[in-house]
N, C-alpha and C. Protein backbone atom coordinates (compact mmCIF):
# COMPACT_ATOMS: atom_id res chain seq x y z
N UNK A 1 -13.66 23.49 -3.46
CA UNK A 1 -13.75 23.32 -4.93
C UNK A 1 -12.60 24.10 -5.73
N UNK A 2 -12.13 23.26 -6.44
CA UNK A 2 -10.87 23.55 -7.27
C UNK A 2 -11.36 23.95 -8.66
N UNK A 3 -10.70 24.93 -9.03
CA UNK A 3 -11.13 25.22 -10.70
C UNK A 3 -9.93 25.39 -11.43
N UNK A 4 -10.19 25.12 -12.80
CA UNK A 4 -9.08 25.02 -13.62
C UNK A 4 -9.38 25.71 -14.94
N UNK A 5 -8.61 26.26 -15.57
CA UNK A 5 -8.97 26.86 -17.06
C UNK A 5 -8.27 26.33 -18.05
N UNK A 6 -8.58 25.76 -19.00
CA UNK A 6 -7.85 25.38 -20.15
C UNK A 6 -8.48 25.60 -21.38
N UNK A 7 -7.85 26.30 -22.33
CA UNK A 7 -8.34 26.58 -23.56
C UNK A 7 -9.65 27.56 -23.38
N UNK A 8 -9.64 28.47 -22.32
CA UNK A 8 -10.77 29.33 -22.19
C UNK A 8 -12.06 28.66 -21.58
N UNK A 9 -11.98 27.57 -21.19
CA UNK A 9 -13.05 26.84 -20.58
C UNK A 9 -13.01 26.63 -19.10
N UNK A 10 -13.89 26.97 -18.46
CA UNK A 10 -13.84 26.93 -16.95
C UNK A 10 -14.51 25.57 -16.48
N UNK A 11 -13.76 24.82 -15.68
CA UNK A 11 -14.37 23.69 -15.17
C UNK A 11 -13.87 23.31 -13.80
N UNK A 12 -14.84 23.12 -12.93
CA UNK A 12 -14.66 23.01 -11.48
C UNK A 12 -14.86 21.64 -11.14
N UNK A 13 -14.00 21.06 -10.34
CA UNK A 13 -14.13 19.84 -9.70
C UNK A 13 -14.25 19.87 -8.25
N UNK A 14 -15.23 19.05 -7.79
CA UNK A 14 -15.58 18.84 -6.37
C UNK A 14 -14.52 17.89 -5.74
N UNK A 15 -14.67 17.95 -4.56
CA UNK A 15 -13.46 16.99 -3.79
C UNK A 15 -13.76 15.59 -3.98
N UNK A 16 -14.85 15.15 -4.62
CA UNK A 16 -15.20 13.93 -4.90
C UNK A 16 -14.77 13.50 -6.14
N UNK A 17 -14.35 14.57 -7.01
CA UNK A 17 -13.74 14.40 -8.36
C UNK A 17 -15.03 14.56 -9.33
N UNK A 18 -16.11 14.80 -8.96
CA UNK A 18 -17.11 15.15 -9.98
C UNK A 18 -16.93 16.46 -10.74
N UNK A 19 -17.03 16.42 -11.82
CA UNK A 19 -17.10 17.60 -12.65
C UNK A 19 -18.26 18.70 -12.69
N UNK A 20 -18.39 19.82 -12.43
CA UNK A 20 -19.28 20.69 -12.50
C UNK A 20 -19.38 21.25 -13.99
N UNK A 21 -20.47 21.06 -14.62
CA UNK A 21 -20.45 21.58 -16.08
C UNK A 21 -20.79 23.06 -16.22
N UNK A 22 -20.15 23.78 -17.00
CA UNK A 22 -20.57 25.17 -17.25
C UNK A 22 -21.27 25.25 -18.43
N UNK A 23 -21.84 26.52 -18.83
CA UNK A 23 -22.74 26.90 -19.78
C UNK A 23 -22.24 26.41 -21.06
N UNK A 24 -20.93 26.56 -21.32
CA UNK A 24 -20.27 26.33 -22.85
C UNK A 24 -20.57 24.98 -23.06
N UNK A 25 -20.52 24.01 -22.12
CA UNK A 25 -20.60 22.63 -22.64
C UNK A 25 -21.95 22.31 -22.98
N UNK A 26 -22.91 22.81 -22.27
CA UNK A 26 -24.40 22.71 -22.73
C UNK A 26 -24.73 23.41 -24.02
N UNK A 27 -24.04 24.63 -24.35
CA UNK A 27 -24.21 25.18 -25.52
C UNK A 27 -23.63 24.28 -26.71
N UNK A 28 -22.44 24.03 -26.44
CA UNK A 28 -21.72 23.20 -27.53
C UNK A 28 -22.53 21.91 -27.78
N UNK A 29 -23.12 21.11 -26.88
CA UNK A 29 -23.94 19.89 -27.16
C UNK A 29 -25.07 20.34 -27.92
N UNK A 30 -25.67 21.40 -27.40
CA UNK A 30 -27.07 21.81 -27.98
C UNK A 30 -26.85 22.22 -29.38
N UNK A 31 -25.70 23.07 -29.84
CA UNK A 31 -25.59 23.49 -31.23
C UNK A 31 -25.05 22.18 -32.00
N UNK A 32 -24.28 21.33 -31.54
CA UNK A 32 -23.90 20.14 -32.07
C UNK A 32 -24.99 19.39 -32.61
N UNK A 33 -26.02 19.29 -31.83
CA UNK A 33 -27.26 18.55 -32.20
C UNK A 33 -28.06 19.31 -33.31
N UNK A 34 -28.13 20.60 -33.09
CA UNK A 34 -29.00 21.35 -33.84
C UNK A 34 -28.43 21.56 -35.28
N UNK A 35 -27.18 21.82 -35.56
CA UNK A 35 -26.43 21.98 -36.81
C UNK A 35 -25.21 21.11 -36.67
N UNK A 36 -25.13 19.89 -37.12
CA UNK A 36 -24.04 19.11 -37.04
C UNK A 36 -22.84 19.63 -37.44
N UNK A 37 -21.60 19.53 -36.49
CA UNK A 37 -20.45 19.91 -36.66
C UNK A 37 -20.09 21.57 -36.06
N UNK A 38 -21.29 22.16 -35.63
CA UNK A 38 -21.06 23.57 -35.33
C UNK A 38 -20.57 23.44 -33.62
N UNK A 39 -21.00 22.42 -32.76
CA UNK A 39 -20.36 22.38 -31.53
C UNK A 39 -19.01 22.43 -31.61
N UNK A 40 -18.39 21.38 -32.50
CA UNK A 40 -16.99 21.06 -32.61
C UNK A 40 -16.29 22.52 -32.99
N UNK A 41 -16.90 23.22 -33.92
CA UNK A 41 -16.44 24.36 -34.44
C UNK A 41 -16.34 25.47 -33.48
N UNK A 42 -17.18 25.54 -32.61
CA UNK A 42 -17.37 26.45 -31.38
C UNK A 42 -16.21 26.19 -30.50
N UNK A 43 -15.85 24.92 -30.42
CA UNK A 43 -14.80 24.54 -29.32
C UNK A 43 -13.35 24.69 -29.92
N UNK A 44 -13.51 25.15 -31.21
CA UNK A 44 -12.05 25.17 -31.78
C UNK A 44 -11.62 24.01 -32.60
N UNK A 45 -12.49 22.88 -32.86
CA UNK A 45 -12.03 21.80 -33.43
C UNK A 45 -12.54 21.80 -34.89
N UNK A 46 -11.77 22.73 -35.78
CA UNK A 46 -12.33 23.19 -37.11
C UNK A 46 -12.45 21.84 -38.04
N UNK A 47 -11.31 21.10 -38.11
CA UNK A 47 -11.24 20.15 -38.97
C UNK A 47 -12.18 19.11 -38.68
N UNK A 48 -12.35 18.57 -37.38
CA UNK A 48 -13.25 17.54 -36.95
C UNK A 48 -14.63 18.09 -37.07
N UNK A 49 -15.01 19.28 -36.78
CA UNK A 49 -16.25 19.79 -37.08
C UNK A 49 -16.77 19.78 -38.54
N UNK A 50 -16.03 20.18 -39.29
CA UNK A 50 -16.15 20.05 -40.80
C UNK A 50 -16.45 18.82 -41.40
N UNK A 51 -15.43 17.95 -40.91
CA UNK A 51 -15.55 16.52 -41.34
C UNK A 51 -16.80 15.63 -40.74
N UNK A 52 -17.19 16.00 -39.58
CA UNK A 52 -18.30 15.28 -39.15
C UNK A 52 -19.74 16.07 -39.68
N UNK A 53 -19.74 17.24 -39.84
CA UNK A 53 -20.76 17.83 -40.51
C UNK A 53 -21.06 17.12 -42.06
N UNK A 54 -19.74 16.90 -42.59
CA UNK A 54 -19.98 16.40 -43.92
C UNK A 54 -20.37 14.91 -43.88
N UNK A 55 -19.96 14.21 -42.94
CA UNK A 55 -20.43 12.81 -42.90
C UNK A 55 -21.94 12.85 -42.55
N UNK A 56 -22.56 13.64 -41.63
CA UNK A 56 -23.95 13.58 -41.30
C UNK A 56 -24.87 14.12 -42.44
N UNK A 57 -24.63 15.18 -42.99
CA UNK A 57 -25.18 15.85 -44.13
C UNK A 57 -25.13 14.89 -45.42
N UNK A 58 -24.10 14.17 -45.57
CA UNK A 58 -23.86 13.28 -46.60
C UNK A 58 -24.58 11.99 -46.54
N UNK A 59 -24.67 11.61 -45.21
CA UNK A 59 -25.80 10.26 -45.03
C UNK A 59 -27.14 10.73 -45.20
N UNK A 60 -27.55 12.12 -44.68
CA UNK A 60 -28.81 12.63 -44.76
C UNK A 60 -29.24 12.66 -46.19
N UNK A 61 -28.42 13.51 -46.90
CA UNK A 61 -28.86 13.71 -48.44
C UNK A 61 -28.84 12.53 -49.39
N UNK A 62 -27.90 11.61 -49.02
CA UNK A 62 -27.83 10.43 -49.88
C UNK A 62 -29.13 9.70 -49.50
N UNK A 63 -29.50 9.44 -48.31
CA UNK A 63 -30.82 9.04 -47.79
C UNK A 63 -32.07 9.53 -48.42
N UNK A 64 -31.97 10.76 -48.58
CA UNK A 64 -33.03 11.22 -49.42
C UNK A 64 -33.18 11.13 -50.80
N UNK A 65 -31.85 10.99 -51.46
CA UNK A 65 -31.83 10.64 -52.84
C UNK A 65 -32.08 8.95 -53.20
N UNK A 66 -31.90 8.40 -52.27
CA UNK A 66 -32.39 6.85 -52.29
C UNK A 66 -33.87 6.68 -51.94
N UNK A 67 -34.39 7.75 -51.82
CA UNK A 67 -35.92 7.55 -51.50
C UNK A 67 -36.38 7.30 -50.07
N UNK A 68 -35.55 7.76 -49.24
CA UNK A 68 -35.84 7.54 -47.85
C UNK A 68 -36.78 8.44 -47.26
N UNK A 69 -37.59 7.96 -46.31
CA UNK A 69 -38.89 8.56 -45.83
C UNK A 69 -38.53 9.04 -44.51
N UNK A 70 -38.88 10.53 -44.30
CA UNK A 70 -38.63 10.98 -42.89
C UNK A 70 -39.89 10.67 -41.98
N UNK A 71 -39.70 10.12 -40.78
CA UNK A 71 -40.78 9.85 -40.05
C UNK A 71 -41.03 11.04 -39.14
N UNK A 72 -42.33 11.35 -38.81
CA UNK A 72 -42.64 12.28 -37.90
C UNK A 72 -42.82 11.83 -36.49
N UNK A 73 -42.98 12.66 -35.45
CA UNK A 73 -43.16 12.33 -34.09
C UNK A 73 -44.80 12.47 -33.70
N UNK A 74 -45.38 12.54 -34.70
CA UNK A 74 -47.15 12.39 -34.61
C UNK A 74 -47.75 11.25 -35.03
N UNK A 75 -48.89 11.13 -34.70
CA UNK A 75 -49.90 10.01 -35.59
C UNK A 75 -49.12 8.92 -35.15
N UNK A 76 -48.67 8.52 -33.81
CA UNK A 76 -48.22 7.19 -33.58
C UNK A 76 -49.19 6.00 -33.50
N UNK A 77 -50.41 6.36 -33.16
CA UNK A 77 -51.35 5.29 -33.15
C UNK A 77 -51.63 4.71 -34.46
N UNK A 78 -51.65 5.75 -35.52
CA UNK A 78 -51.81 5.19 -36.86
C UNK A 78 -50.66 4.26 -37.37
N UNK A 79 -49.32 4.86 -37.21
CA UNK A 79 -48.26 4.03 -37.80
C UNK A 79 -47.77 2.98 -36.86
N UNK A 80 -47.77 3.13 -35.66
CA UNK A 80 -47.31 2.17 -34.64
C UNK A 80 -46.25 2.76 -33.90
N UNK A 81 -45.85 2.15 -32.88
CA UNK A 81 -44.83 2.65 -31.93
C UNK A 81 -43.48 2.53 -32.67
N UNK A 82 -43.21 1.89 -33.62
CA UNK A 82 -41.96 1.63 -34.27
C UNK A 82 -41.75 2.92 -35.12
N UNK A 83 -42.74 3.46 -35.70
CA UNK A 83 -42.36 4.79 -36.36
C UNK A 83 -42.18 5.92 -35.29
N UNK A 84 -42.61 5.95 -34.05
CA UNK A 84 -42.01 6.90 -33.19
C UNK A 84 -40.67 6.63 -33.11
N UNK A 85 -40.06 5.62 -32.87
CA UNK A 85 -38.52 5.27 -32.81
C UNK A 85 -37.89 5.75 -34.09
N UNK A 86 -38.37 5.46 -35.10
CA UNK A 86 -37.84 5.93 -36.27
C UNK A 86 -37.74 7.51 -36.49
N UNK A 87 -38.91 8.22 -36.05
CA UNK A 87 -39.00 9.69 -35.96
C UNK A 87 -37.87 10.25 -35.20
N UNK A 88 -37.90 9.65 -33.97
CA UNK A 88 -36.78 10.07 -32.97
C UNK A 88 -35.30 9.90 -33.43
N UNK A 89 -35.06 8.88 -34.31
CA UNK A 89 -33.88 8.62 -35.01
C UNK A 89 -33.54 9.85 -35.99
N UNK A 90 -34.54 10.14 -36.76
CA UNK A 90 -34.52 11.24 -37.85
C UNK A 90 -34.51 12.57 -37.01
N UNK A 91 -35.10 12.72 -36.09
CA UNK A 91 -34.95 14.05 -35.41
C UNK A 91 -33.60 14.33 -34.88
N UNK A 92 -32.68 13.33 -34.81
CA UNK A 92 -31.18 13.49 -34.47
C UNK A 92 -30.42 14.31 -35.34
N UNK A 93 -30.99 14.57 -36.48
CA UNK A 93 -30.25 15.49 -37.56
C UNK A 93 -30.52 17.09 -37.20
N UNK A 94 -31.41 17.33 -36.33
CA UNK A 94 -31.44 18.46 -35.95
C UNK A 94 -32.27 19.40 -36.87
N UNK A 95 -31.72 20.60 -37.12
CA UNK A 95 -32.32 21.59 -37.85
C UNK A 95 -32.84 21.23 -39.26
N UNK A 96 -31.88 20.43 -39.85
CA UNK A 96 -32.18 20.04 -41.35
C UNK A 96 -33.46 19.06 -41.39
N UNK A 97 -33.78 18.37 -40.42
CA UNK A 97 -34.85 17.57 -40.13
C UNK A 97 -36.11 18.32 -40.00
N UNK A 98 -36.05 19.39 -39.20
CA UNK A 98 -37.14 20.37 -39.00
C UNK A 98 -37.58 21.20 -40.25
N UNK A 99 -36.47 21.57 -41.05
CA UNK A 99 -36.76 22.36 -42.35
C UNK A 99 -37.40 21.45 -43.28
N UNK A 100 -36.84 20.02 -43.35
CA UNK A 100 -37.34 19.13 -44.27
C UNK A 100 -38.93 18.70 -43.99
N UNK A 101 -39.22 18.73 -42.72
CA UNK A 101 -40.52 18.51 -42.43
C UNK A 101 -41.58 19.60 -42.74
N UNK A 102 -40.96 20.95 -42.50
CA UNK A 102 -41.62 22.07 -42.75
C UNK A 102 -41.81 22.24 -44.32
N UNK A 103 -40.95 21.84 -44.93
CA UNK A 103 -40.77 22.08 -46.41
C UNK A 103 -41.44 20.82 -47.25
N UNK A 104 -42.09 19.87 -46.49
CA UNK A 104 -42.52 18.61 -47.33
C UNK A 104 -41.41 17.89 -47.91
N UNK A 105 -40.31 17.88 -47.57
CA UNK A 105 -39.07 17.20 -48.38
C UNK A 105 -39.00 15.92 -47.66
N UNK A 106 -39.01 14.62 -48.33
CA UNK A 106 -38.83 13.46 -47.88
C UNK A 106 -39.92 12.92 -47.00
N UNK A 107 -41.11 13.58 -47.17
CA UNK A 107 -42.37 13.12 -46.28
C UNK A 107 -43.00 11.90 -46.97
N UNK A 108 -43.24 12.09 -48.23
CA UNK A 108 -43.95 11.11 -48.94
C UNK A 108 -43.11 9.72 -49.10
N UNK A 109 -43.88 8.77 -48.70
CA UNK A 109 -43.14 7.38 -48.68
C UNK A 109 -43.08 6.86 -49.91
N UNK A 110 -41.85 6.40 -50.38
CA UNK A 110 -41.63 5.85 -51.72
C UNK A 110 -41.34 4.52 -51.75
N UNK A 111 -42.20 3.82 -51.08
CA UNK A 111 -41.95 2.29 -50.96
C UNK A 111 -41.89 1.49 -52.09
N UNK A 112 -42.24 1.90 -53.30
CA UNK A 112 -42.15 1.27 -54.58
C UNK A 112 -40.68 1.26 -55.06
N UNK A 113 -39.98 2.33 -54.62
CA UNK A 113 -38.57 2.48 -55.05
C UNK A 113 -37.71 1.14 -54.44
N UNK A 114 -36.81 0.65 -55.06
CA UNK A 114 -36.07 -0.55 -54.65
C UNK A 114 -35.10 -0.16 -53.45
N UNK A 115 -34.64 1.17 -53.50
CA UNK A 115 -33.66 1.59 -52.44
C UNK A 115 -34.40 2.37 -51.36
N UNK A 116 -35.44 2.50 -51.30
CA UNK A 116 -36.43 3.37 -50.30
C UNK A 116 -35.81 2.84 -48.85
N UNK A 117 -35.89 1.58 -48.52
CA UNK A 117 -35.38 1.04 -47.17
C UNK A 117 -34.07 1.47 -46.79
N UNK A 118 -32.90 1.32 -48.00
CA UNK A 118 -31.63 1.87 -47.66
C UNK A 118 -31.71 3.47 -47.34
N UNK A 119 -32.51 4.00 -48.07
CA UNK A 119 -32.59 5.48 -47.74
C UNK A 119 -33.12 5.76 -46.32
N UNK A 120 -34.12 5.05 -45.68
CA UNK A 120 -34.58 5.13 -44.50
C UNK A 120 -33.52 4.91 -43.54
N UNK A 121 -32.68 3.85 -43.73
CA UNK A 121 -31.55 3.46 -42.87
C UNK A 121 -30.38 4.51 -42.74
N UNK A 122 -30.22 5.12 -44.08
CA UNK A 122 -29.30 6.15 -43.96
C UNK A 122 -29.71 7.39 -43.13
N UNK A 123 -31.16 7.71 -43.25
CA UNK A 123 -31.60 8.94 -42.71
C UNK A 123 -31.35 8.63 -41.07
N UNK A 124 -31.71 7.54 -40.78
CA UNK A 124 -31.77 7.16 -39.33
C UNK A 124 -30.31 7.13 -38.70
N UNK A 125 -29.52 6.46 -39.52
CA UNK A 125 -27.94 6.43 -39.05
C UNK A 125 -27.34 7.81 -38.89
N UNK A 126 -27.82 8.77 -39.99
CA UNK A 126 -27.32 10.15 -39.84
C UNK A 126 -27.87 10.90 -38.54
N UNK A 127 -29.10 10.61 -37.91
CA UNK A 127 -29.65 11.31 -37.01
C UNK A 127 -28.87 10.64 -35.66
N UNK A 128 -28.89 9.10 -35.69
CA UNK A 128 -28.03 8.49 -34.36
C UNK A 128 -26.82 8.91 -34.16
N UNK A 129 -26.05 9.09 -35.50
CA UNK A 129 -24.67 9.65 -35.48
C UNK A 129 -24.71 10.87 -34.97
N UNK A 130 -25.50 11.85 -35.22
CA UNK A 130 -25.45 13.11 -34.86
C UNK A 130 -25.54 13.33 -33.19
N UNK A 131 -26.58 12.41 -32.73
CA UNK A 131 -26.77 12.44 -31.32
C UNK A 131 -25.22 12.02 -30.49
N UNK A 132 -24.85 11.06 -31.15
CA UNK A 132 -23.29 10.76 -30.73
C UNK A 132 -22.25 11.94 -30.76
N UNK A 133 -22.47 12.65 -31.73
CA UNK A 133 -21.42 13.74 -31.90
C UNK A 133 -21.94 15.05 -31.13
N UNK A 134 -23.14 15.05 -30.75
CA UNK A 134 -23.44 16.20 -29.80
C UNK A 134 -22.88 15.81 -28.44
N UNK A 135 -22.89 14.45 -28.17
CA UNK A 135 -22.38 14.11 -26.74
C UNK A 135 -20.76 14.17 -26.93
N UNK A 136 -20.32 14.00 -28.11
CA UNK A 136 -18.83 14.28 -28.14
C UNK A 136 -18.49 15.59 -28.01
N UNK A 137 -19.11 16.49 -28.47
CA UNK A 137 -18.90 17.91 -28.26
C UNK A 137 -19.03 18.39 -26.87
N UNK A 138 -20.06 17.77 -26.13
CA UNK A 138 -20.22 17.98 -24.84
C UNK A 138 -19.04 17.32 -23.89
N UNK A 139 -18.57 16.34 -24.11
CA UNK A 139 -17.43 15.76 -23.46
C UNK A 139 -16.17 16.36 -23.86
N UNK A 140 -15.88 17.06 -25.11
CA UNK A 140 -14.65 17.81 -25.04
C UNK A 140 -14.89 18.91 -24.29
N UNK A 141 -16.11 19.71 -24.34
CA UNK A 141 -16.21 20.99 -23.48
C UNK A 141 -15.94 20.74 -22.18
N UNK A 142 -16.33 19.49 -21.53
CA UNK A 142 -16.04 19.34 -19.95
C UNK A 142 -14.71 18.70 -19.87
N UNK A 143 -13.96 18.59 -20.87
CA UNK A 143 -12.49 18.00 -20.77
C UNK A 143 -12.64 16.46 -20.41
N UNK A 144 -13.60 15.77 -20.58
CA UNK A 144 -13.54 14.36 -20.40
C UNK A 144 -13.06 13.61 -21.57
N UNK A 145 -12.90 14.34 -22.63
CA UNK A 145 -12.09 13.77 -23.92
C UNK A 145 -11.22 14.81 -24.57
N UNK A 146 -9.95 14.43 -25.07
CA UNK A 146 -9.15 15.44 -25.54
C UNK A 146 -9.53 15.72 -26.95
């Protein structure tokens, strides 16, 4: 097994070329999901982290302002399976989603508003984008991406 260190990150490669992932990569990915942008900040990508956090939070709060509705991950039988998929998308925003559920923010569906469906889409896109950004932070940590 060969080891290399770049930027303070330890990465080991096996003879087959597979990368063994260290704890920092998992931590960066988890933090990037939990609080958008923090995983990139942890890896020293300050500009990228701040920009990505602004995009995810911007989509999230504009979605709420448009009357978007946060879907939960419970009562799937009542709302149908598609509501569970929407809840998984919303969960992608991490801690802000959990705080919103706890504080009853964005829980009441405002279907009478003309912009409510746009708000729902903004919220879901924010979550899905943050899942991708968590994977991006993980890939940067294991040096699959520069």
